[in-house]
Amino acid sequence: MPRRSLLTAKTRHQLFGIPEDPKQLTRFYMLNREDHDLIRTRRRDENRLGLAVHIALLRHPGQGWIDGTAIPEPFIMWLAEQLAVSTIDLTEFARLCSATQNQFRSPFACDATPRTSAVSG
């Protein structure tokens, strides 16, 4: 039996979509001092903006930047303005992050079993 969705596509977008309205951007995505302190630890503008995107999306809608998720331009411009960086095409940033994650992923990365040290003291 096919699964039924409790929410319509419109309702789902209203609840979990990335807003483009300036009032909503201000409401959900204003970066605070701690955010700026963390973001400044990154060297390049695209890394700073990429981290800001992750931080913002963790706040609303409550999940980080998922591969394949289209990020609205007003959202990127809003964050770039707060960071005083030029808007950057984050497609390359996302591709590099994905490649880096795949490069360092071990075959046991998804293993939820706690590991214990074999070395005894």
PDB file of N, CA and C in Angstrom:
ATOM      1  N   MET A   1       0.848  -1.168   0.000  1.00  0.00           N
ATOM      2  CA  MET A   1       0.000   0.000   0.000  1.00  0.00           C
ATOM      3  C   MET A   1       0.900   1.240   0.000  1.00  0.00           C
ATOM      4  N   PRO A   2       0.638   2.216  -0.883  1.00  0.00           N
ATOM      5  CA  PRO A   2       1.488   3.411  -0.929  1.00  0.00           C
ATOM      6  C   PRO A   2       1.321   4.262   0.322  1.00  0.00           C
ATOM      7  N   ARG A   3       2.422   4.914   0.685  1.00  0.00           N
ATOM      8  CA  ARG A   3       2.390   5.783   1.862  1.00  0.00           C
ATOM      9  C   ARG A   3       1.664   7.072   1.519  1.00  0.00           C
ATOM     10  N   ARG A   4       0.877   7.537   2.447  1.00  0.00           N
ATOM     11  CA  ARG A   4       0.172   8.802   2.268  1.00  0.00           C
ATOM     12  C   ARG A   4       0.911   9.891   3.010  1.00  0.00           C
ATOM     13  N   SER A   5       0.930  11.046   2.429  1.00  0.00           N
ATOM     14  CA  SER A   5       1.568  12.184   3.067  1.00  0.00           C
ATOM     15  C   SER A   5       0.538  12.934   3.902  1.00  0.00           C
ATOM     16  N   LEU A   6       0.947  13.311   5.092  1.00  0.00           N
ATOM     17  CA  LEU A   6       0.042  14.067   5.958  1.00  0.00           C
ATOM     18  C   LEU A   6      -0.036  15.530   5.545  1.00  0.00           C
ATOM     19  N   LEU A   7       0.993  16.009   4.855  1.00  0.00           N
ATOM     20  CA  LEU A   7       1.041  17.414   4.462  1.00  0.00           C
ATOM     21  C   LEU A   7       0.966  17.549   2.956  1.00  0.00           C
ATOM     22  N   THR A   8       0.292  18.589   2.513  1.00  0.00           N
ATOM     23  CA  THR A   8       0.308  18.886   1.084  1.00  0.00           C
ATOM     24  C   THR A   8       1.670  19.483   0.739  1.00  0.00           C
ATOM     25  N   ALA A   9       2.008  19.505  -0.524  1.00  0.00           N
ATOM     26  CA  ALA A   9       3.289  20.068  -0.956  1.00  0.00           C
ATOM     27  C   ALA A   9       3.398  21.532  -0.531  1.00  0.00           C
ATOM     28  N   LYS A  10       2.300  22.267  -0.634  1.00  0.00           N
ATOM     29  CA  LYS A  10       2.310  23.681  -0.253  1.00  0.00           C
ATOM     30  C   LYS A  10       2.564  23.844   1.250  1.00  0.00           C
ATOM     31  N   THR A  11       1.889  23.058   2.059  1.00  0.00           N
ATOM     32  CA  THR A  11       2.074  23.128   3.511  1.00  0.00           C
ATOM     33  C   THR A  11       3.486  22.718   3.894  1.00  0.00           C
ATOM     34  N   ARG A  12       4.003  21.659   3.256  1.00  0.00           N
ATOM     35  CA  ARG A  12       5.366  21.205   3.540  1.00  0.00           C
ATOM     36  C   ARG A  12       6.366  22.313   3.223  1.00  0.00           C
ATOM     37  N   HIS A  13       6.159  23.007   2.094  1.00  0.00           N
ATOM     38  CA  HIS A  13       7.076  24.100   1.737  1.00  0.00           C
ATOM     39  C   HIS A  13       6.964  25.255   2.733  1.00  0.00           C
ATOM     40  N   GLN A  14       5.744  25.564   3.175  1.00  0.00           N
ATOM     41  CA  GLN A  14       5.567  26.647   4.149  1.00  0.00           C
ATOM     42  C   GLN A  14       6.263  26.328   5.463  1.00  0.00           C
ATOM     43  N   LEU A  15       6.246  25.076   5.879  1.00  0.00           N
ATOM     44  CA  LEU A  15       6.847  24.688   7.151  1.00  0.00           C
ATOM     45  C   LEU A  15       8.353  24.448   7.057  1.00  0.00           C
ATOM     46  N   PHE A  16       8.796  23.817   5.990  1.00  0.00           N
ATOM     47  CA  PHE A  16      10.181  23.361   5.916  1.00  0.00           C
ATOM     48  C   PHE A  16      10.992  23.978   4.790  1.00  0.00           C
ATOM     49  N   GLY A  17      10.373  24.808   3.972  1.00  0.00           N
ATOM     50  CA  GLY A  17      11.094  25.431   2.865  1.00  0.00           C
ATOM     51  C   GLY A  17      11.971  26.582   3.350  1.00  0.00           C
ATOM     52  N   ILE A  18      12.894  26.962   2.499  1.00  0.00           N
ATOM     53  CA  ILE A  18      13.770  28.093   2.814  1.00  0.00           C
ATOM     54  C   ILE A  18      13.067  29.356   2.331  1.00  0.00           C
ATOM     55  N   PRO A  19      12.740  30.259   3.244  1.00  0.00           N
ATOM     56  CA  PRO A  19      12.008  31.458   2.839  1.00  0.00           C
ATOM     57  C   PRO A  19      12.872  32.407   2.007  1.00  0.00           C
ATOM     58  N   GLU A  20      12.213  33.224   1.209  1.00  0.00           N
ATOM     59  CA  GLU A  20      12.904  34.216   0.395  1.00  0.00           C
ATOM     60  C   GLU A  20      12.484  35.641   0.749  1.00  0.00           C
ATOM     61  N   ASP A  21      11.463  35.761   1.569  1.00  0.00           N
ATOM     62  CA  ASP A  21      10.949  37.062   1.991  1.00  0.00           C
ATOM     63  C   ASP A  21      11.913  37.701   2.986  1.00  0.00           C
ATOM     64  N   PRO A  22      12.255  38.993   2.807  1.00  0.00           N
ATOM     65  CA  PRO A  22      13.202  39.644   3.725  1.00  0.00           C
ATOM     66  C   PRO A  22      12.808  39.557   5.202  1.00  0.00           C
ATOM     67  N   LYS A  23      11.530  39.659   5.517  1.00  0.00           N
ATOM     68  CA  LYS A  23      11.102  39.556   6.921  1.00  0.00           C
ATOM     69  C   LYS A  23      11.380  38.158   7.474  1.00  0.00           C
ATOM     70  N   GLN A  24      11.100  37.147   6.683  1.00  0.00           N
ATOM     71  CA  GLN A  24      11.350  35.775   7.123  1.00  0.00           C
ATOM     72  C   GLN A  24      12.846  35.492   7.213  1.00  0.00           C
ATOM     73  N   LEU A  25      13.630  36.012   6.274  1.00  0.00           N
ATOM     74  CA  LEU A  25      15.079  35.835   6.329  1.00  0.00           C
ATOM     75  C   LEU A  25      15.636  36.437   7.621  1.00  0.00           C
ATOM     76  N   THR A  26      15.143  37.617   7.970  1.00  0.00           N
ATOM     77  CA  THR A  26      15.580  38.268   9.207  1.00  0.00           C
ATOM     78  C   THR A  26      15.154  37.452  10.417  1.00  0.00           C
ATOM     79  N   ARG A  27      13.950  36.942  10.382  1.00  0.00           N
ATOM     80  CA  ARG A  27      13.417  36.176  11.519  1.00  0.00           C
ATOM     81  C   ARG A  27      14.214  34.897  11.777  1.00  0.00           C
ATOM     82  N   PHE A  28      14.550  34.174  10.723  1.00  0.00           N
ATOM     83  CA  PHE A  28      15.168  32.862  10.894  1.00  0.00           C
ATOM     84  C   PHE A  28      16.687  32.853  10.786  1.00  0.00           C
ATOM     85  N   TYR A  29      17.271  33.797  10.057  1.00  0.00           N
ATOM     86  CA  TYR A  29      18.668  33.632   9.666  1.00  0.00           C
ATOM     87  C   TYR A  29      19.592  34.778  10.051  1.00  0.00           C
ATOM     88  N   MET A  30      19.288  35.492  11.106  1.00  0.00           N
ATOM     89  CA  MET A  30      20.191  36.526  11.590  1.00  0.00           C
ATOM     90  C   MET A  30      21.320  35.847  12.365  1.00  0.00           C
ATOM     91  N   LEU A  31      22.535  36.040  11.912  1.00  0.00           N
ATOM     92  CA  LEU A  31      23.686  35.415  12.570  1.00  0.00           C
ATOM     93  C   LEU A  31      24.084  36.220  13.804  1.00  0.00           C
ATOM     94  N   ASN A  32      24.385  35.538  14.909  1.00  0.00           N
ATOM     95  CA  ASN A  32      24.771  36.232  16.132  1.00  0.00           C
ATOM     96  C   ASN A  32      26.299  36.273  16.261  1.00  0.00           C
ATOM     97  N   ARG A  33      26.778  36.853  17.330  1.00  0.00           N
ATOM     98  CA  ARG A  33      28.223  37.024  17.536  1.00  0.00           C
ATOM     99  C   ARG A  33      28.964  35.683  17.557  1.00  0.00           C
ATOM    100  N   GLU A  34      28.403  34.693  18.237  1.00  0.00           N
ATOM    101  CA  GLU A  34      29.050  33.377  18.291  1.00  0.00           C
ATOM    102  C   GLU A  34      29.144  32.748  16.904  1.00  0.00           C
ATOM    103  N   ASP A  35      28.102  32.930  16.102  1.00  0.00           N
ATOM    104  CA  ASP A  35      28.136  32.429  14.725  1.00  0.00           C
ATOM    105  C   ASP A  35      29.283  33.077  13.956  1.00  0.00           C
ATOM    106  N   HIS A  36      29.374  34.400  14.062  1.00  0.00           N
ATOM    107  CA  HIS A  36      30.430  35.131  13.349  1.00  0.00           C
ATOM    108  C   HIS A  36      31.820  34.708  13.827  1.00  0.00           C
ATOM    109  N   ASP A  37      31.970  34.472  15.123  1.00  0.00           N
ATOM    110  CA  ASP A  37      33.267  34.031  15.646  1.00  0.00           C
ATOM    111  C   ASP A  37      33.662  32.683  15.052  1.00  0.00           C
ATOM    112  N   LEU A  38      32.718  31.766  14.982  1.00  0.00           N
ATOM    113  CA  LEU A  38      32.993  30.459  14.399  1.00  0.00           C
ATOM    114  C   LEU A  38      33.269  30.571  12.895  1.00  0.00           C
ATOM    115  N   ILE A  39      32.470  31.326  12.201  1.00  0.00           N
ATOM    116  CA  ILE A  39      32.603  31.467  10.743  1.00  0.00           C
ATOM    117  C   ILE A  39      33.939  32.101  10.383  1.00  0.00           C
ATOM    118  N   ARG A  40      34.416  33.041  11.203  1.00  0.00           N
ATOM    119  CA  ARG A  40      35.702  33.702  10.921  1.00  0.00           C
ATOM    120  C   ARG A  40      36.897  32.757  11.009  1.00  0.00           C
ATOM    121  N   THR A  41      36.707  31.583  11.607  1.00  0.00           N
ATOM    122  CA  THR A  41      37.816  30.626  11.677  1.00  0.00           C
ATOM    123  C   THR A  41      38.101  29.989  10.318  1.00  0.00           C
ATOM    124  N   ARG A  42      37.235  30.175   9.346  1.00  0.00           N
ATOM    125  CA  ARG A  42      37.443  29.650   7.999  1.00  0.00           C
ATOM    126  C   ARG A  42      38.224  30.667   7.183  1.00  0.00           C
ATOM    127  N   ARG A  43      39.110  30.195   6.324  1.00  0.00           N
ATOM    128  CA  ARG A  43      40.026  31.086   5.608  1.00  0.00           C
ATOM    129  C   ARG A  43      39.418  31.735   4.368  1.00  0.00           C
ATOM    130  N   ARG A  44      38.716  30.966   3.568  1.00  0.00           N
ATOM    131  CA  ARG A  44      38.233  31.492   2.294  1.00  0.00           C
ATOM    132  C   ARG A  44      36.772  31.895   2.383  1.00  0.00           C
ATOM    133  N   ASP A  45      36.385  32.866   1.557  1.00  0.00           N
ATOM    134  CA  ASP A  45      35.012  33.362   1.576  1.00  0.00           C
ATOM    135  C   ASP A  45      33.998  32.254   1.319  1.00  0.00           C
ATOM    136  N   GLU A  46      34.286  31.375   0.345  1.00  0.00           N
ATOM    137  CA  GLU A  46      33.317  30.323   0.051  1.00  0.00           C
ATOM    138  C   GLU A  46      33.156  29.353   1.223  1.00  0.00           C
ATOM    139  N   ASN A  47      34.223  29.145   1.990  1.00  0.00           N
ATOM    140  CA  ASN A  47      34.110  28.296   3.177  1.00  0.00           C
ATOM    141  C   ASN A  47      33.309  28.986   4.276  1.00  0.00           C
ATOM    142  N   ARG A  48      33.516  30.280   4.428  1.00  0.00           N
ATOM    143  CA  ARG A  48      32.741  31.035   5.428  1.00  0.00           C
ATOM    144  C   ARG A  48      31.260  31.023   5.073  1.00  0.00           C
ATOM    145  N   LEU A  49      30.965  31.273   3.801  1.00  0.00           N
ATOM    146  CA  LEU A  49      29.570  31.299   3.365  1.00  0.00           C
ATOM    147  C   LEU A  49      28.957  29.903   3.455  1.00  0.00           C
ATOM    148  N   GLY A  50      29.704  28.884   3.090  1.00  0.00           N
ATOM    149  CA  GLY A  50      29.195  27.518   3.188  1.00  0.00           C
ATOM    150  C   GLY A  50      28.865  27.138   4.625  1.00  0.00           C
ATOM    151  N   LEU A  51      29.730  27.504   5.560  1.00  0.00           N
ATOM    152  CA  LEU A  51      29.466  27.230   6.971  1.00  0.00           C
ATOM    153  C   LEU A  51      28.242  28.008   7.449  1.00  0.00           C
ATOM    154  N   ALA A  52      28.107  29.245   7.011  1.00  0.00           N
ATOM    155  CA  ALA A  52      26.937  30.045   7.386  1.00  0.00           C
ATOM    156  C   ALA A  52      25.648  29.402   6.873  1.00  0.00           C
ATOM    157  N   VAL A  53      25.695  28.849   5.670  1.00  0.00           N
ATOM    158  CA  VAL A  53      24.521  28.154   5.127  1.00  0.00           C
ATOM    159  C   VAL A  53      24.154  26.971   6.026  1.00  0.00           C
ATOM    160  N   HIS A  54      25.145  26.187   6.414  1.00  0.00           N
ATOM    161  CA  HIS A  54      24.876  25.040   7.295  1.00  0.00           C
ATOM    162  C   HIS A  54      24.289  25.488   8.629  1.00  0.00           C
ATOM    163  N   ILE A  55      24.879  26.489   9.236  1.00  0.00           N
ATOM    164  CA  ILE A  55      24.385  26.987  10.523  1.00  0.00           C
ATOM    165  C   ILE A  55      22.946  27.466  10.383  1.00  0.00           C
ATOM    166  N   ALA A  56      22.689  28.253   9.353  1.00  0.00           N
ATOM    167  CA  ALA A  56      21.353  28.811   9.149  1.00  0.00           C
ATOM    168  C   ALA A  56      20.321  27.709   8.918  1.00  0.00           C
ATOM    169  N   LEU A  57      20.661  26.733   8.091  1.00  0.00           N
ATOM    170  CA  LEU A  57      19.701  25.674   7.794  1.00  0.00           C
ATOM    171  C   LEU A  57      19.489  24.731   8.975  1.00  0.00           C
ATOM    172  N   LEU A  58      20.469  24.632   9.858  1.00  0.00           N
ATOM    173  CA  LEU A  58      20.252  23.837  11.066  1.00  0.00           C
ATOM    174  C   LEU A  58      19.230  24.519  11.980  1.00  0.00           C
ATOM    175  N   ARG A  59      19.183  25.830  11.943  1.00  0.00           N
ATOM    176  CA  ARG A  59      18.192  26.564  12.747  1.00  0.00           C
ATOM    177  C   ARG A  59      16.802  26.426  12.169  1.00  0.00           C
ATOM    178  N   HIS A  60      16.689  26.619  10.880  1.00  0.00           N
ATOM    179  CA  HIS A  60      15.398  26.475  10.194  1.00  0.00           C
ATOM    180  C   HIS A  60      15.684  26.044   8.779  1.00  0.00           C
ATOM    181  N   PRO A  61      15.215  24.957   8.349  1.00  0.00           N
ATOM    182  CA  PRO A  61      14.148  24.107   8.861  1.00  0.00           C
ATOM    183  C   PRO A  61      14.601  22.997   9.800  1.00  0.00           C
ATOM    184  N   GLY A  62      15.825  23.042  10.295  1.00  0.00           N
ATOM    185  CA  GLY A  62      16.255  22.059  11.283  1.00  0.00           C
ATOM    186  C   GLY A  62      17.116  20.950  10.722  1.00  0.00           C
ATOM    187  N   GLN A  63      17.635  21.137   9.541  1.00  0.00           N
ATOM    188  CA  GLN A  63      18.559  20.165   8.962  1.00  0.00           C
ATOM    189  C   GLN A  63      19.617  20.917   8.184  1.00  0.00           C
ATOM    190  N   GLY A  64      20.790  20.337   8.101  1.00  0.00           N
ATOM    191  CA  GLY A  64      21.877  20.992   7.377  1.00  0.00           C
ATOM    192  C   GLY A  64      21.630  20.995   5.880  1.00  0.00           C
ATOM    193  N   TRP A  65      22.608  21.455   5.156  1.00  0.00           N
ATOM    194  CA  TRP A  65      22.514  21.517   3.703  1.00  0.00           C
ATOM    195  C   TRP A  65      22.637  20.108   3.158  1.00  0.00           C
ATOM    196  N   ILE A  66      21.577  19.598   2.597  1.00  0.00           N
ATOM    197  CA  ILE A  66      21.529  18.244   2.071  1.00  0.00           C
ATOM    198  C   ILE A  66      21.911  18.281   0.597  1.00  0.00           C
ATOM    199  N   ASP A  67      22.716  17.305   0.166  1.00  0.00           N
ATOM    200  CA  ASP A  67      23.109  17.223  -1.241  1.00  0.00           C
ATOM    201  C   ASP A  67      21.892  17.319  -2.143  1.00  0.00           C
ATOM    202  N   GLY A  68      21.995  18.142  -3.154  1.00  0.00           N
ATOM    203  CA  GLY A  68      20.921  18.283  -4.122  1.00  0.00           C
ATOM    204  C   GLY A  68      19.875  19.320  -3.758  1.00  0.00           C
ATOM    205  N   THR A  69      19.943  19.879  -2.559  1.00  0.00           N
ATOM    206  CA  THR A  69      18.982  20.897  -2.152  1.00  0.00           C
ATOM    207  C   THR A  69      19.307  22.212  -2.844  1.00  0.00           C
ATOM    208  N   ALA A  70      18.325  22.768  -3.540  1.00  0.00           N
ATOM    209  CA  ALA A  70      18.516  24.062  -4.190  1.00  0.00           C
ATOM    210  C   ALA A  70      18.406  25.159  -3.137  1.00  0.00           C
ATOM    211  N   ILE A  71      19.385  26.011  -3.103  1.00  0.00           N
ATOM    212  CA  ILE A  71      19.396  27.114  -2.142  1.00  0.00           C
ATOM    213  C   ILE A  71      18.961  28.381  -2.879  1.00  0.00           C
ATOM    214  N   PRO A  72      17.886  29.037  -2.423  1.00  0.00           N
ATOM    215  CA  PRO A  72      17.419  30.251  -3.096  1.00  0.00           C
ATOM    216  C   PRO A  72      18.464  31.373  -3.042  1.00  0.00           C
ATOM    217  N   GLU A  73      18.572  32.108  -4.125  1.00  0.00           N
ATOM    218  CA  GLU A  73      19.552  33.192  -4.206  1.00  0.00           C
ATOM    219  C   GLU A  73      19.359  34.260  -3.133  1.00  0.00           C
ATOM    220  N   PRO A  74      18.108  34.677  -2.818  1.00  0.00           N
ATOM    221  CA  PRO A  74      17.948  35.682  -1.744  1.00  0.00           C
ATOM    222  C   PRO A  74      18.511  35.220  -0.403  1.00  0.00           C
ATOM    223  N   PHE A  75      18.429  33.931  -0.124  1.00  0.00           N
ATOM    224  CA  PHE A  75      18.980  33.358   1.108  1.00  0.00           C
ATOM    225  C   PHE A  75      20.501  33.509   1.114  1.00  0.00           C
ATOM    226  N   ILE A  76      21.151  33.141   0.003  1.00  0.00           N
ATOM    227  CA  ILE A  76      22.608  33.254  -0.110  1.00  0.00           C
ATOM    228  C   ILE A  76      23.028  34.721   0.000  1.00  0.00           C
ATOM    229  N   MET A  77      22.306  35.596  -0.689  1.00  0.00           N
ATOM    230  CA  MET A  77      22.642  37.026  -0.649  1.00  0.00           C
ATOM    231  C   MET A  77      22.505  37.581   0.762  1.00  0.00           C
ATOM    232  N   TRP A  78      21.477  37.136   1.500  1.00  0.00           N
ATOM    233  CA  TRP A  78      21.253  37.593   2.875  1.00  0.00           C
ATOM    234  C   TRP A  78      22.431  37.211   3.770  1.00  0.00           C
ATOM    235  N   LEU A  79      22.871  35.960   3.657  1.00  0.00           N
ATOM    236  CA  LEU A  79      23.995  35.507   4.480  1.00  0.00           C
ATOM    237  C   LEU A  79      25.297  36.188   4.056  1.00  0.00           C
ATOM    238  N   ALA A  80      25.520  36.321   2.753  1.00  0.00           N
ATOM    239  CA  ALA A  80      26.743  36.966   2.255  1.00  0.00           C
ATOM    240  C   ALA A  80      26.816  38.415   2.725  1.00  0.00           C
ATOM    241  N   GLU A  81      25.687  39.082   2.742  1.00  0.00           N
ATOM    242  CA  GLU A  81      25.652  40.478   3.210  1.00  0.00           C
ATOM    243  C   GLU A  81      26.047  40.568   4.685  1.00  0.00           C
ATOM    244  N   GLN A  82      25.555  39.643   5.503  1.00  0.00           N
ATOM    245  CA  GLN A  82      25.909  39.648   6.923  1.00  0.00           C
ATOM    246  C   GLN A  82      27.391  39.376   7.150  1.00  0.00           C
ATOM    247  N   LEU A  83      27.979  38.570   6.263  1.00  0.00           N
ATOM    248  CA  LEU A  83      29.391  38.214   6.403  1.00  0.00           C
ATOM    249  C   LEU A  83      30.314  39.190   5.686  1.00  0.00           C
ATOM    250  N   ALA A  84      29.731  40.133   4.960  1.00  0.00           N
ATOM    251  CA  ALA A  84      30.498  41.108   4.178  1.00  0.00           C
ATOM    252  C   ALA A  84      31.411  40.411   3.161  1.00  0.00           C
ATOM    253  N   VAL A  85      30.865  39.385   2.490  1.00  0.00           N
ATOM    254  CA  VAL A  85      31.579  38.715   1.408  1.00  0.00           C
ATOM    255  C   VAL A  85      30.726  38.834   0.153  1.00  0.00           C
ATOM    256  N   SER A  86      31.370  38.686  -0.993  1.00  0.00           N
ATOM    257  CA  SER A  86      30.599  38.723  -2.227  1.00  0.00           C
ATOM    258  C   SER A  86      29.843  37.401  -2.358  1.00  0.00           C
ATOM    259  N   THR A  87      28.714  37.458  -3.055  1.00  0.00           N
ATOM    260  CA  THR A  87      27.979  36.210  -3.263  1.00  0.00           C
ATOM    261  C   THR A  87      28.821  35.316  -4.157  1.00  0.00           C
ATOM    262  N   ILE A  88      28.830  34.069  -3.823  1.00  0.00           N
ATOM    263  CA  ILE A  88      29.692  33.089  -4.470  1.00  0.00           C
ATOM    264  C   ILE A  88      28.816  31.951  -4.953  1.00  0.00           C
ATOM    265  N   ASP A  89      29.158  31.381  -6.094  1.00  0.00           N
ATOM    266  CA  ASP A  89      28.452  30.202  -6.552  1.00  0.00           C
ATOM    267  C   ASP A  89      28.895  29.036  -5.671  1.00  0.00           C
ATOM    268  N   LEU A  90      27.988  28.548  -4.846  1.00  0.00           N
ATOM    269  CA  LEU A  90      28.335  27.503  -3.897  1.00  0.00           C
ATOM    270  C   LEU A  90      28.262  26.106  -4.494  1.00  0.00           C
ATOM    271  N   THR A  91      28.011  25.998  -5.786  1.00  0.00           N
ATOM    272  CA  THR A  91      27.968  24.688  -6.435  1.00  0.00           C
ATOM    273  C   THR A  91      29.318  24.000  -6.309  1.00  0.00           C
ATOM    274  N   GLU A  92      30.389  24.724  -6.594  1.00  0.00           N
ATOM    275  CA  GLU A  92      31.736  24.162  -6.498  1.00  0.00           C
ATOM    276  C   GLU A  92      32.068  23.826  -5.046  1.00  0.00           C
ATOM    277  N   PHE A  93      31.675  24.691  -4.121  1.00  0.00           N
ATOM    278  CA  PHE A  93      31.900  24.425  -2.690  1.00  0.00           C
ATOM    279  C   PHE A  93      31.222  23.121  -2.282  1.00  0.00           C
ATOM    280  N   ALA A  94      29.971  22.938  -2.697  1.00  0.00           N
ATOM    281  CA  ALA A  94      29.226  21.731  -2.346  1.00  0.00           C
ATOM    282  C   ALA A  94      29.878  20.499  -2.966  1.00  0.00           C
ATOM    283  N   ARG A  95      30.348  20.607  -4.200  1.00  0.00           N
ATOM    284  CA  ARG A  95      30.995  19.488  -4.873  1.00  0.00           C
ATOM    285  C   ARG A  95      32.280  19.092  -4.139  1.00  0.00           C
ATOM    286  N   LEU A  96      33.071  20.087  -3.763  1.00  0.00           N
ATOM    287  CA  LEU A  96      34.320  19.804  -3.055  1.00  0.00           C
ATOM    288  C   LEU A  96      34.064  19.198  -1.683  1.00  0.00           C
ATOM    289  N   CYS A  97      33.060  19.692  -0.971  1.00  0.00           N
ATOM    290  CA  CYS A  97      32.722  19.134   0.345  1.00  0.00           C
ATOM    291  C   CYS A  97      32.291  17.680   0.213  1.00  0.00           C
ATOM    292  N   SER A  98      31.481  17.398  -0.777  1.00  0.00           N
ATOM    293  CA  SER A  98      31.020  16.034  -0.997  1.00  0.00           C
ATOM    294  C   SER A  98      32.182  15.116  -1.338  1.00  0.00           C
ATOM    295  N   ALA A  99      33.087  15.580  -2.193  1.00  0.00           N
ATOM    296  CA  ALA A  99      34.256  14.783  -2.570  1.00  0.00           C
ATOM    297  C   ALA A  99      35.149  14.532  -1.360  1.00  0.00           C
ATOM    298  N   THR A 100      35.328  15.539  -0.521  1.00  0.00           N
ATOM    299  CA  THR A 100      36.154  15.394   0.675  1.00  0.00           C
ATOM    300  C   THR A 100      35.533  14.397   1.641  1.00  0.00           C
ATOM    301  N   GLN A 101      34.230  14.471   1.832  1.00  0.00           N
ATOM    302  CA  GLN A 101      33.555  13.528   2.715  1.00  0.00           C
ATOM    303  C   GLN A 101      33.705  12.103   2.201  1.00  0.00           C
ATOM    304  N   ASN A 102      33.549  11.911   0.895  1.00  0.00           N
ATOM    305  CA  ASN A 102      33.686  10.573   0.324  1.00  0.00           C
ATOM    306  C   ASN A 102      35.118  10.064   0.435  1.00  0.00           C
ATOM    307  N   GLN A 103      36.086  10.950   0.309  1.00  0.00           N
ATOM    308  CA  GLN A 103      37.482  10.568   0.372  1.00  0.00           C
ATOM    309  C   GLN A 103      37.841  10.016   1.751  1.00  0.00           C
ATOM    310  N   PHE A 104      37.309  10.620   2.802  1.00  0.00           N
ATOM    311  CA  PHE A 104      37.678  10.230   4.159  1.00  0.00           C
ATOM    312  C   PHE A 104      36.680   9.285   4.813  1.00  0.00           C
ATOM    313  N   ARG A 105      35.653   8.886   4.098  1.00  0.00           N
ATOM    314  CA  ARG A 105      34.645   7.995   4.669  1.00  0.00           C
ATOM    315  C   ARG A 105      35.204   6.578   4.726  1.00  0.00           C
ATOM    316  N   SER A 106      35.136   5.976   5.882  1.00  0.00           N
ATOM    317  CA  SER A 106      35.621   4.604   6.017  1.00  0.00           C
ATOM    318  C   SER A 106      34.458   3.649   5.788  1.00  0.00           C
ATOM    319  N   PRO A 107      34.735   2.388   5.510  1.00  0.00           N
ATOM    320  CA  PRO A 107      33.646   1.434   5.328  1.00  0.00           C
ATOM    321  C   PRO A 107      32.811   1.258   6.592  1.00  0.00           C
ATOM    322  N   PHE A 108      33.345   1.671   7.731  1.00  0.00           N
ATOM    323  CA  PHE A 108      32.641   1.517   8.998  1.00  0.00           C
ATOM    324  C   PHE A 108      32.009   2.817   9.470  1.00  0.00           C
ATOM    325  N   ALA A 109      31.938   3.819   8.611  1.00  0.00           N
ATOM    326  CA  ALA A 109      31.463   5.143   9.018  1.00  0.00           C
ATOM    327  C   ALA A 109      30.033   5.112   9.530  1.00  0.00           C
ATOM    328  N   CYS A 110      29.208   4.230   9.010  1.00  0.00           N
ATOM    329  CA  CYS A 110      27.807   4.195   9.423  1.00  0.00           C
ATOM    330  C   CYS A 110      27.564   3.204  10.551  1.00  0.00           C
ATOM    331  N   ASP A 111      28.610   2.563  11.018  1.00  0.00           N
ATOM    332  CA  ASP A 111      28.498   1.588  12.095  1.00  0.00           C
ATOM    333  C   ASP A 111      28.225   2.311  13.403  1.00  0.00           C
ATOM    334  N   ALA A 112      27.082   2.019  14.025  1.00  0.00           N
ATOM    335  CA  ALA A 112      26.700   2.692  15.266  1.00  0.00           C
ATOM    336  C   ALA A 112      27.200   1.964  16.505  1.00  0.00           C
ATOM    337  N   THR A 113      27.947   0.881  16.300  1.00  0.00           N
ATOM    338  CA  THR A 113      28.454   0.109  17.427  1.00  0.00           C
ATOM    339  C   THR A 113      29.571   0.881  18.118  1.00  0.00           C
ATOM    340  N   PRO A 114      29.519   1.053  19.453  1.00  0.00           N
ATOM    341  CA  PRO A 114      30.591   1.771  20.137  1.00  0.00           C
ATOM    342  C   PRO A 114      31.899   1.004  20.013  1.00  0.00           C
ATOM    343  N   ARG A 115      32.974   1.715  19.845  1.00  0.00           N
ATOM    344  CA  ARG A 115      34.289   1.114  19.704  1.00  0.00           C
ATOM    345  C   ARG A 115      35.007   1.179  21.058  1.00  0.00           C
ATOM    346  N   THR A 116      35.715   0.143  21.381  1.00  0.00           N
ATOM    347  CA  THR A 116      36.519   0.134  22.600  1.00  0.00           C
ATOM    348  C   THR A 116      37.962  -0.025  22.223  1.00  0.00           C
ATOM    349  N   SER A 117      38.820   0.522  22.996  1.00  0.00           N
ATOM    350  CA  SER A 117      40.246   0.449  22.723  1.00  0.00           C
ATOM    351  C   SER A 117      40.772  -0.932  23.060  1.00  0.00           C
ATOM    352  N   ALA A 118      41.610  -1.483  22.164  1.00  0.00           N
ATOM    353  CA  ALA A 118      42.191  -2.804  22.396  1.00  0.00           C
ATOM    354  C   ALA A 118      43.433  -2.699  23.290  1.00  0.00           C
ATOM    355  N   VAL A 119      43.900  -1.499  23.515  1.00  0.00           N
ATOM    356  CA  VAL A 119      45.096  -1.296  24.331  1.00  0.00           C
ATOM    357  C   VAL A 119      44.681  -1.220  25.788  1.00  0.00           C
ATOM    358  N   SER A 120      45.277  -2.019  26.624  1.00  0.00           N
ATOM    359  CA  SER A 120      44.966  -1.945  28.055  1.00  0.00           C
ATOM    360  C   SER A 120      46.063  -1.201  28.772  1.00  0.00           C
ATOM    361  N   GLY A 121      45.680  -0.487  29.809  1.00  0.00           N
ATOM    362  CA  GLY A 121      46.623   0.368  30.511  1.00  0.00           C
ATOM    363  C   GLY A 121      47.362  -0.285  31.521  1.00  0.00           C
TER     364      GLY A 121
END
